[in-house]
Amino acid sequence: MEIILLEKIRHLGDLGEKVRVKPGFARNYLIPKNKAVYATQANIIRFEERRAELERLAAERLAQAIARQQAIQALPAIVITMKASEEGKLFGSVTVRDIVQRISVAGVSIERREINMPEGALRALGEYELTLELDSSVTATIKVSIVAEG
């Protein structure tokens, strides 16, 4: 199925590109989230009329993401104190929600979906480097240090 992208989507394409995707991906995700439209003749004409506005919105989103990236990079390491066993295993775990809460206290707003934790919740003491995907082309890294209580 051919669609026209209304914004840049990682691993798929840039704003205005005509791409082929599976029908379910277009119908269930891209179209309802206003990230794409079907590539019909009428939609192509309508897109060309709105292209300047969409490019301006994309530039604003990118500028906001870069500003947030700089604010996140300026933060010191996030220190989380947890109860742990003598072997270094946590009684509980550190989740995305905990990290978002600590970063928000530091004065930078992020969303849970922006944090990439491929191994899931953190369950041991130590230092971790997490990647935040702020925009399709802007990422930031933050260090999280988990220390034992007491």
C-alpha atoms as a PDB file:
ATOM      1  CA  MET A   1       0.000   0.000   0.000  1.00  0.00           C
ATOM      2  CA  GLU A   2       1.384   3.428  -0.905  1.00  0.00           C
ATOM      3  CA  ILE A   3       1.172   6.325   1.520  1.00  0.00           C
ATOM      4  CA  ILE A   4       2.556   9.857   1.797  1.00  0.00           C
ATOM      5  CA  LEU A   5       4.390  10.610   5.049  1.00  0.00           C
ATOM      6  CA  LEU A   6       3.290  13.756   6.866  1.00  0.00           C
ATOM      7  CA  GLU A   7       6.350  13.719   9.153  1.00  0.00           C
ATOM      8  CA  LYS A   8       9.766  12.095   9.343  1.00  0.00           C
ATOM      9  CA  ILE A   9       9.571   8.557  10.660  1.00  0.00           C
ATOM     10  CA  ARG A  10      12.717   6.683  11.618  1.00  0.00           C
ATOM     11  CA  HIS A  11      13.486   3.682   9.405  1.00  0.00           C
ATOM     12  CA  LEU A  12      10.677   4.620   7.018  1.00  0.00           C
ATOM     13  CA  GLY A  13      11.225   7.995   5.367  1.00  0.00           C
ATOM     14  CA  ASP A  14      11.114  11.783   5.431  1.00  0.00           C
ATOM     15  CA  LEU A  15       8.261  14.253   5.208  1.00  0.00           C
ATOM     16  CA  GLY A  16       6.528  14.092   1.841  1.00  0.00           C
ATOM     17  CA  GLU A  17       7.983  10.774   0.703  1.00  0.00           C
ATOM     18  CA  LYS A  18       5.785   8.220  -0.981  1.00  0.00           C
ATOM     19  CA  VAL A  19       6.523   4.852   0.624  1.00  0.00           C
ATOM     20  CA  ARG A  20       5.128   1.352   0.466  1.00  0.00           C
ATOM     21  CA  VAL A  21       4.040  -0.185   3.761  1.00  0.00           C
ATOM     22  CA  LYS A  22       1.920  -3.105   4.799  1.00  0.00           C
ATOM     23  CA  PRO A  23      -1.794  -2.258   4.848  1.00  0.00           C
ATOM     24  CA  GLY A  24      -2.193  -2.988   8.555  1.00  0.00           C
ATOM     25  CA  PHE A  25       0.653  -0.651   9.539  1.00  0.00           C
ATOM     26  CA  ALA A  26      -0.899   2.165   7.510  1.00  0.00           C
ATOM     27  CA  ARG A  27      -4.481   1.498   8.543  1.00  0.00           C
ATOM     28  CA  ASN A  28      -3.877   0.845  12.253  1.00  0.00           C
ATOM     29  CA  TYR A  29      -0.987   3.184  13.105  1.00  0.00           C
ATOM     30  CA  LEU A  30       0.162   5.743  10.528  1.00  0.00           C
ATOM     31  CA  ILE A  31      -3.213   7.021   9.301  1.00  0.00           C
ATOM     32  CA  PRO A  32      -4.982   7.247  12.722  1.00  0.00           C
ATOM     33  CA  LYS A  33      -1.976   9.044  14.268  1.00  0.00           C
ATOM     34  CA  ASN A  34      -1.922  11.565  11.374  1.00  0.00           C
ATOM     35  CA  LYS A  35       1.581  10.522  10.395  1.00  0.00           C
ATOM     36  CA  ALA A  36       0.564   9.632   6.842  1.00  0.00           C
ATOM     37  CA  VAL A  37      -2.245   9.737   4.278  1.00  0.00           C
ATOM     38  CA  TYR A  38      -3.166   7.371   1.486  1.00  0.00           C
ATOM     39  CA  ALA A  39      -1.347   8.216  -1.755  1.00  0.00           C
ATOM     40  CA  THR A  40      -4.417   9.102  -3.811  1.00  0.00           C
ATOM     41  CA  GLN A  41      -4.373  11.859  -6.423  1.00  0.00           C
ATOM     42  CA  ALA A  42      -6.528  14.136  -4.229  1.00  0.00           C
ATOM     43  CA  ASN A  43      -4.288  13.574  -1.183  1.00  0.00           C
ATOM     44  CA  ILE A  44      -1.149  14.302  -3.217  1.00  0.00           C
ATOM     45  CA  ILE A  45      -2.589  17.672  -4.289  1.00  0.00           C
ATOM     46  CA  ARG A  46      -3.760  18.449  -0.735  1.00  0.00           C
ATOM     47  CA  PHE A  47      -0.329  17.524   0.628  1.00  0.00           C
ATOM     48  CA  GLU A  48       1.473  19.815  -1.817  1.00  0.00           C
ATOM     49  CA  GLU A  49      -0.760  22.687  -0.675  1.00  0.00           C
ATOM     50  CA  ARG A  50       0.118  22.004   2.979  1.00  0.00           C
ATOM     51  CA  ARG A  51       3.806  21.164   2.445  1.00  0.00           C
ATOM     52  CA  ALA A  52       5.161  24.529   3.678  1.00  0.00           C
ATOM     53  CA  GLU A  53       3.075  24.364   6.865  1.00  0.00           C
ATOM     54  CA  LEU A  54       4.132  20.765   7.573  1.00  0.00           C
ATOM     55  CA  GLU A  55       7.804  21.605   6.995  1.00  0.00           C
ATOM     56  CA  ARG A  56       7.527  24.570   9.383  1.00  0.00           C
ATOM     57  CA  LEU A  57       5.953  22.355  12.066  1.00  0.00           C
ATOM     58  CA  ALA A  58       8.668  19.737  11.574  1.00  0.00           C
ATOM     59  CA  ALA A  59      11.374  22.414  11.941  1.00  0.00           C
ATOM     60  CA  GLU A  60       9.767  23.657  15.176  1.00  0.00           C
ATOM     61  CA  ARG A  61       9.595  20.101  16.578  1.00  0.00           C
ATOM     62  CA  LEU A  62      13.243  19.560  15.657  1.00  0.00           C
ATOM     63  CA  ALA A  63      14.310  22.826  17.333  1.00  0.00           C
ATOM     64  CA  GLN A  64      12.424  21.874  20.514  1.00  0.00           C
ATOM     65  CA  ALA A  65      14.002  18.412  20.497  1.00  0.00           C
ATOM     66  CA  ILE A  66      17.505  19.875  20.110  1.00  0.00           C
ATOM     67  CA  ALA A  67      16.879  22.302  22.994  1.00  0.00           C
ATOM     68  CA  ARG A  68      15.675  19.429  25.180  1.00  0.00           C
ATOM     69  CA  GLN A  69      18.684  17.339  24.109  1.00  0.00           C
ATOM     70  CA  GLN A  70      21.062  20.082  25.265  1.00  0.00           C
ATOM     71  CA  ALA A  71      19.206  20.410  28.584  1.00  0.00           C
ATOM     72  CA  ILE A  72      19.362  16.647  29.151  1.00  0.00           C
ATOM     73  CA  GLN A  73      23.066  16.439  28.252  1.00  0.00           C
ATOM     74  CA  ALA A  74      23.760  19.230  30.788  1.00  0.00           C
ATOM     75  CA  LEU A  75      22.183  17.229  33.621  1.00  0.00           C
ATOM     76  CA  PRO A  76      24.499  15.433  36.042  1.00  0.00           C
ATOM     77  CA  ALA A  77      24.085  11.682  36.469  1.00  0.00           C
ATOM     78  CA  ILE A  78      20.744  10.704  37.980  1.00  0.00           C
ATOM     79  CA  VAL A  79      21.383   8.995  41.327  1.00  0.00           C
ATOM     80  CA  ILE A  80      18.756   6.585  42.602  1.00  0.00           C
ATOM     81  CA  THR A  81      19.060   5.063  46.065  1.00  0.00           C
ATOM     82  CA  MET A  82      17.479   1.627  46.512  1.00  0.00           C
ATOM     83  CA  LYS A  83      17.591  -1.226  48.986  1.00  0.00           C
ATOM     84  CA  ALA A  84      19.817  -4.001  47.696  1.00  0.00           C
ATOM     85  CA  SER A  85      21.220  -7.375  48.725  1.00  0.00           C
ATOM     86  CA  GLU A  86      24.904  -7.924  49.437  1.00  0.00           C
ATOM     87  CA  GLU A  87      25.336  -9.356  45.907  1.00  0.00           C
ATOM     88  CA  GLY A  88      24.110  -6.079  44.388  1.00  0.00           C
ATOM     89  CA  LYS A  89      20.613  -7.193  43.390  1.00  0.00           C
ATOM     90  CA  LEU A  90      17.860  -4.696  44.062  1.00  0.00           C
ATOM     91  CA  PHE A  91      14.831  -5.394  46.212  1.00  0.00           C
ATOM     92  CA  GLY A  92      12.492  -4.162  43.496  1.00  0.00           C
ATOM     93  CA  SER A  93      13.569  -2.471  40.293  1.00  0.00           C
ATOM     94  CA  VAL A  94      14.126   0.902  38.674  1.00  0.00           C
ATOM     95  CA  THR A  95      11.595   1.479  35.918  1.00  0.00           C
ATOM     96  CA  VAL A  96      11.003   4.093  33.247  1.00  0.00           C
ATOM     97  CA  ARG A  97       8.554   5.845  35.571  1.00  0.00           C
ATOM     98  CA  ASP A  98      11.254   6.276  38.257  1.00  0.00           C
ATOM     99  CA  ILE A  99      13.689   7.751  35.748  1.00  0.00           C
ATOM    100  CA  VAL A 100      11.103  10.142  34.270  1.00  0.00           C
ATOM    101  CA  GLN A 101      10.256  11.309  37.787  1.00  0.00           C
ATOM    102  CA  ARG A 102      13.920  12.020  38.657  1.00  0.00           C
ATOM    103  CA  ILE A 103      14.559  13.871  35.387  1.00  0.00           C
ATOM    104  CA  SER A 104      11.385  15.944  35.893  1.00  0.00           C
ATOM    105  CA  VAL A 105      12.595  16.936  39.368  1.00  0.00           C
ATOM    106  CA  ALA A 106      15.807  18.162  37.699  1.00  0.00           C
ATOM    107  CA  GLY A 107      13.670  20.497  35.555  1.00  0.00           C
ATOM    108  CA  VAL A 108      13.544  18.775  32.152  1.00  0.00           C
ATOM    109  CA  SER A 109      10.276  17.337  30.867  1.00  0.00           C
ATOM    110  CA  ILE A 110      10.361  14.011  29.060  1.00  0.00           C
ATOM    111  CA  GLU A 111       7.798  11.353  28.306  1.00  0.00           C
ATOM    112  CA  ARG A 112       7.946   7.676  29.207  1.00  0.00           C
ATOM    113  CA  ARG A 113       7.901   6.583  25.571  1.00  0.00           C
ATOM    114  CA  GLU A 114      11.099   8.532  24.881  1.00  0.00           C
ATOM    115  CA  ILE A 115      13.264   6.388  27.170  1.00  0.00           C
ATOM    116  CA  ASN A 116      14.811   3.320  25.554  1.00  0.00           C
ATOM    117  CA  MET A 117      15.410   0.463  28.003  1.00  0.00           C
ATOM    118  CA  PRO A 118      15.958  -2.624  25.811  1.00  0.00           C
ATOM    119  CA  GLU A 119      16.672  -4.956  28.729  1.00  0.00           C
ATOM    120  CA  GLY A 120      13.669  -3.750  30.701  1.00  0.00           C
ATOM    121  CA  ALA A 121      13.731  -2.547  34.289  1.00  0.00           C
ATOM    122  CA  LEU A 122      17.090  -2.137  36.030  1.00  0.00           C
ATOM    123  CA  ARG A 123      17.492  -4.754  38.765  1.00  0.00           C
ATOM    124  CA  ALA A 124      21.089  -4.401  39.953  1.00  0.00           C
ATOM    125  CA  LEU A 125      23.358  -1.755  41.442  1.00  0.00           C
ATOM    126  CA  GLY A 126      25.661   0.092  39.083  1.00  0.00           C
ATOM    127  CA  GLU A 127      25.869   2.781  36.447  1.00  0.00           C
ATOM    128  CA  TYR A 128      23.749   2.623  33.316  1.00  0.00           C
ATOM    129  CA  GLU A 129      23.697   4.757  30.196  1.00  0.00           C
ATOM    130  CA  LEU A 130      20.231   5.138  28.732  1.00  0.00           C
ATOM    131  CA  THR A 131      19.248   6.514  25.349  1.00  0.00           C
ATOM    132  CA  LEU A 132      16.369   8.945  25.004  1.00  0.00           C
ATOM    133  CA  GLU A 133      14.739   9.279  21.569  1.00  0.00           C
ATOM    134  CA  LEU A 134      13.461  12.862  21.576  1.00  0.00           C
ATOM    135  CA  ASP A 135      12.635  13.006  17.869  1.00  0.00           C
ATOM    136  CA  SER A 136      13.108  10.726  14.893  1.00  0.00           C
ATOM    137  CA  SER A 137      16.619  12.127  14.377  1.00  0.00           C
ATOM    138  CA  VAL A 138      17.514  13.501  17.834  1.00  0.00           C
ATOM    139  CA  THR A 139      18.736  11.288  20.649  1.00  0.00           C
ATOM    140  CA  ALA A 140      20.289  12.033  24.013  1.00  0.00           C
ATOM    141  CA  THR A 141      22.051   9.873  26.556  1.00  0.00           C
ATOM    142  CA  ILE A 142      21.765  10.093  30.306  1.00  0.00           C
ATOM    143  CA  LYS A 143      23.655   8.288  33.031  1.00  0.00           C
ATOM    144  CA  VAL A 144      21.704   6.610  35.806  1.00  0.00           C
ATOM    145  CA  SER A 145      23.595   5.509  38.889  1.00  0.00           C
ATOM    146  CA  ILE A 146      21.884   3.094  41.264  1.00  0.00           C
ATOM    147  CA  VAL A 147      23.437   2.990  44.735  1.00  0.00           C
ATOM    148  CA  ALA A 148      22.647   0.939  47.808  1.00  0.00           C
ATOM    149  CA  GLU A 149      20.683   2.517  50.616  1.00  0.00           C
ATOM    150  CA  GLY A 150      22.560   2.999  53.874  1.00  0.00           C
END
